[in-house]
Protein backbone atom coordinates (compact mmCIF):
# COMPACT_ATOMS: atom_id res chain seq x y z
CA MET A 1 88.78 77.42 91.97
CA GLY A 2 86.55 80.13 93.36
CA ARG A 3 82.78 79.93 93.82
CA ARG A 4 80.31 81.71 91.59
CA ILE A 5 77.96 83.87 93.61
CA ARG A 6 74.69 84.85 91.96
CA TYR A 7 73.42 88.28 92.89
CA ARG A 8 69.92 88.30 94.30
CA PRO A 9 68.51 91.82 94.71
CA ASN A 10 66.78 92.68 97.94
CA PRO A 11 63.05 93.31 97.25
CA ILE A 12 62.95 95.90 100.03
CA GLN A 13 65.81 97.84 98.48
CA GLU A 14 64.15 97.72 95.05
CA PHE A 15 60.92 99.04 96.55
CA ALA A 16 62.80 101.88 98.21
CA VAL A 17 64.56 102.79 94.96
CA LEU A 18 61.23 102.68 93.07
CA GLU A 19 59.55 104.96 95.60
CA LYS A 20 62.46 107.39 95.45
CA THR A 21 62.24 107.44 91.66
CA ARG A 22 58.53 108.21 91.84
CA GLU A 23 59.12 111.06 94.27
CA ASP A 24 61.86 112.52 92.10
CA SER A 25 59.60 112.41 89.05
CA PHE A 26 56.69 114.29 90.72
CA LEU A 27 57.95 117.75 89.70
CA THR A 28 57.97 117.27 85.98
CA PRO A 29 58.94 120.19 83.72
CA LYS A 30 55.27 120.69 82.85
CA ILE A 31 54.26 121.00 86.51
CA ILE A 32 57.16 123.35 87.21
CA VAL A 33 56.09 125.59 84.31
CA THR A 34 52.48 125.56 85.54
CA ILE A 35 53.50 126.54 89.08
CA ALA A 36 55.70 129.33 87.73
CA ALA A 37 52.90 130.61 85.50
CA VAL A 38 50.42 130.67 88.40
CA TRP A 39 52.93 132.52 90.55
CA ILE A 40 53.58 135.10 87.82
CA VAL A 41 49.85 135.64 87.21
CA GLY A 42 49.29 136.11 90.94
CA LEU A 43 52.13 138.62 91.09
CA VAL A 44 50.70 140.55 88.13
CA VAL A 45 47.25 140.67 89.77
CA VAL A 46 48.72 142.01 93.02
CA VAL A 47 50.77 144.66 91.20
CA LEU A 48 47.79 145.68 89.03
CA ALA A 49 45.47 145.92 92.06
CA GLY A 50 48.03 148.08 93.84
CA TYR A 51 48.38 150.34 90.81
CA LEU A 52 44.61 150.76 90.41
CA LEU A 53 44.26 151.55 94.11
CA MET A 54 47.02 154.15 93.84
CA GLN A 55 45.36 155.72 90.79
CA TYR A 56 41.99 155.75 92.54
CA ARG A 57 43.43 157.55 95.57
CA LYS A 58 45.25 159.99 93.30
CA PHE A 59 42.00 160.73 91.45
CA GLN A 60 40.10 161.26 94.68
CA ASN A 61 42.74 163.61 96.07
CA GLU A 62 43.16 165.70 92.92
CA PHE A 63 39.49 166.04 91.97
CA ALA A 64 38.06 166.31 95.51
CA PRO A 65 37.18 170.04 95.16
CA LEU A 66 34.85 169.24 92.24
CA ALA A 67 32.49 167.33 94.53
CA ASP A 68 31.43 170.70 95.99
CA VAL A 69 30.32 171.97 92.57
CA CYS A 70 27.13 169.94 92.92
CA GLN A 71 26.39 171.89 96.12
CA GLY A 72 26.42 175.32 94.48
CA LYS A 73 30.15 176.03 94.69
CA TRP A 74 32.77 176.39 91.97
CA VAL A 75 36.46 175.74 91.36
CA ASN A 76 38.50 178.62 89.92
CA ALA A 77 41.29 176.27 88.86
CA ALA A 78 38.98 174.45 86.42
CA SER A 79 38.69 175.32 82.74
CA PRO A 80 35.77 177.39 81.38
CA TYR A 81 33.12 175.65 79.30
CA SER A 82 32.12 176.94 75.89
CA VAL A 83 29.95 175.47 73.16
CA THR A 84 32.77 174.98 70.68
CA PRO A 85 33.82 171.93 68.66
CA GLY A 86 36.07 169.49 70.47
CA ASP A 87 36.29 167.60 73.75
CA HIS A 88 34.99 169.11 76.97
CA PRO A 89 36.36 166.93 79.82
CA ALA A 90 34.01 166.09 82.68
CA VAL A 91 33.82 164.16 85.92
CA ALA A 92 30.80 162.57 87.57
CA VAL A 93 29.76 163.08 91.19
CA ARG A 94 27.09 161.00 92.96
CA ASN A 95 24.92 161.96 95.89
CA SER A 96 25.22 158.93 98.15
CA SER A 97 23.20 159.21 101.37
CA GLY A 98 23.53 162.99 101.37
CA GLU A 99 27.29 162.96 100.65
CA TRP A 100 28.63 163.89 97.22
CA GLN A 101 31.30 161.45 96.05
CA LEU A 102 33.40 161.28 92.89
CA ASP A 103 32.71 158.43 90.48
CA PRO A 104 35.97 157.84 88.56
CA LEU A 105 34.53 155.08 86.36
CA PHE A 106 31.44 156.87 85.03
CA PHE A 107 33.27 158.68 82.24
CA LEU A 108 35.98 156.83 80.33
CA GLY A 109 37.86 157.64 77.16
CA GLU A 110 38.24 161.03 75.53
CA VAL A 111 35.67 162.89 77.62
CA SER A 112 37.16 161.78 80.95
CA SER A 113 39.22 164.47 82.60
CA GLY A 114 42.94 163.95 83.00
CA SER A 115 43.44 166.72 85.53
CA LEU A 116 41.45 169.20 87.57
CA THR A 117 42.68 172.19 85.55
CA LYS A 118 41.38 170.62 82.32
CA THR A 119 37.95 169.78 83.73
CA GLU A 120 35.11 171.86 82.30
CA LEU A 121 31.94 170.08 83.43
CA VAL A 122 30.66 168.20 86.42
CA LEU A 123 27.79 165.71 86.07
CA CYS A 124 25.78 165.72 89.28
CA LEU A 125 23.87 162.49 89.87
CA GLU A 126 21.10 162.77 92.44
CA PRO A 127 19.99 159.66 94.35
CA ILE A 128 17.68 157.26 92.54
CA GLN A 129 14.15 157.71 93.87
CA GLU A 130 11.44 155.12 94.18
CA VAL A 131 8.09 156.54 93.04
CA PHE A 132 4.80 155.00 94.14
CA ILE A 133 2.30 154.31 91.34
CA GLU A 134 -0.66 152.50 92.89
CA SER A 135 -1.79 149.90 95.39
CA CYS A 136 -4.00 146.98 94.33
CA PRO A 137 -6.07 145.31 97.12
CA TYR A 138 -6.72 141.56 97.21
CA SER A 139 -8.71 139.21 99.45
CA SER A 140 -7.21 136.06 100.87
CA ARG A 141 -9.00 132.85 99.93
CA ASN A 142 -7.92 131.24 103.19
CA ASP A 143 -9.01 134.13 105.39
CA PRO A 144 -11.49 136.68 103.96
CA ASN A 145 -10.74 139.03 106.87
CA VAL A 146 -7.11 139.44 105.76
CA THR A 147 -6.47 142.16 103.18
CA LEU A 148 -3.53 141.70 100.84
CA LYS A 149 -2.11 144.27 98.46
CA VAL A 150 0.28 144.71 95.56
CA GLU A 151 2.19 147.99 95.32
CA ARG A 152 3.71 149.22 92.08
CA TYR A 153 6.78 151.49 91.89
CA TYR A 154 9.02 152.99 89.24
CA TYR A 155 12.45 154.62 89.54
CA LYS A 156 13.55 158.12 88.62
CA GLN A 157 16.79 160.09 88.87
CA ASP A 158 17.57 163.79 88.46
CA VAL A 159 20.88 164.76 86.87
CA ARG A 160 22.44 168.04 85.85
CA LEU A 161 25.53 169.27 84.05
CA VAL A 162 27.32 172.12 85.80
CA GLU A 163 30.23 174.27 84.67
CA ALA A 164 33.03 173.54 87.14
CA LYS A 165 34.64 176.98 86.99
CA THR A 166 31.51 179.07 87.63
CA GLY A 167 28.90 176.71 89.09
CA ARG A 168 26.56 177.61 86.22
CA VAL A 169 23.97 174.92 85.42
CA ILE A 170 24.23 173.98 81.75
CA THR A 171 21.30 171.57 81.52
CA VAL A 172 19.13 169.31 83.67
CA GLN A 173 17.26 166.09 83.00
CA THR A 174 15.06 163.61 84.85
CA PHE A 175 15.45 159.97 83.86
CA THR A 176 12.72 157.45 84.54
CA GLY A 177 12.84 153.68 84.36
CA LYS A 178 10.09 151.57 82.85
CA SER A 179 7.06 150.87 85.01
CA PRO A 180 6.47 147.31 86.27
CA ARG A 181 3.71 145.11 84.98
CA TYR A 182 0.12 145.84 85.93
CA CYS A 183 -1.61 144.08 88.79
CA ASP A 184 -3.15 140.76 87.73
CA LYS A 185 -6.65 139.61 88.62
CA THR A 186 -5.09 137.09 90.97
CA GLU A 187 -1.70 137.28 92.63
CA ILE A 188 0.36 134.69 94.47
CA PHE A 189 1.49 135.70 97.96
CA GLY A 190 3.87 133.99 100.34
CA ARG A 191 2.54 132.33 103.49
CA SER A 192 3.31 135.35 105.70
CA GLU A 193 3.38 137.95 102.91
CA LYS A 194 0.70 140.63 103.02
CA THR A 195 2.26 143.22 100.72
CA LYS A 196 3.84 142.36 97.40
CA LYS A 197 6.10 144.89 95.69
CA LEU A 198 6.39 145.28 91.93
CA GLU A 199 9.38 147.35 90.80
CA GLY A 200 10.17 148.81 87.41
CA THR A 201 13.51 148.71 85.61
CA GLU A 202 16.50 150.56 86.98
CA ILE A 203 18.05 153.54 85.22
CA ALA A 204 21.08 152.61 83.15
CA ASN A 205 24.25 154.69 83.34
CA SER A 206 24.59 154.25 79.59
CA ASP A 207 21.37 156.25 79.06
CA ILE A 208 22.73 159.12 81.14
CA ARG A 209 26.07 159.04 79.31
CA SER A 210 24.28 159.13 75.95
CA TRP A 211 22.34 162.19 77.07
CA ALA A 212 25.45 164.01 78.34
CA LEU A 213 27.76 163.11 75.45
CA PRO A 214 26.58 165.87 73.02
CA HIS A 215 27.68 168.44 75.62
CA LEU A 216 31.01 166.75 76.27
CA TYR A 217 31.99 166.13 72.68
CA ILE A 218 30.86 168.78 70.21
CA LYS A 219 31.44 168.20 66.51
């Protein structure tokens, strides 16, 4: 008669099997889906960034001649401007440190130009200027011999609409931001601060667009 042998599992083997099971269960379907979604989103972002960069370069290359319109030149290939109902496509050009550069994001929608030959107007944006208003003198309580001052400034910007085909100036406008607050009777200065600057509000692009829109879209 044979002997009955009772199976006694090895604790070490059970531990190894348990650890293997835990490792195998780490990549659950939910985690796999999440990783795939993150990878797809990243791929979409890269493709979109590449497309936008390509479109930006295309815009710069095609519309480059229009940057010279703000310097008194003209582009024969552009369309003539007339005060007639409808859309009159335009592009914006900024004067940045003495160099005129296209701004592809200033005009969007119907009034933005799809090609150089369809462009009728160029909006020339001069640099924003800081205009001095006044200087208010103050005496230091700690040292009466030290003179402190508060200077007030506001911003202004000159813009003009120019016909791309002829270089003819259609209209001009100077935009000004709001002035800063007035000087108070007492002002707080930093430990080493002798001049405090108060600046007004900046000029919003939306205000300039609102001014230009009646010339770009005529009912």
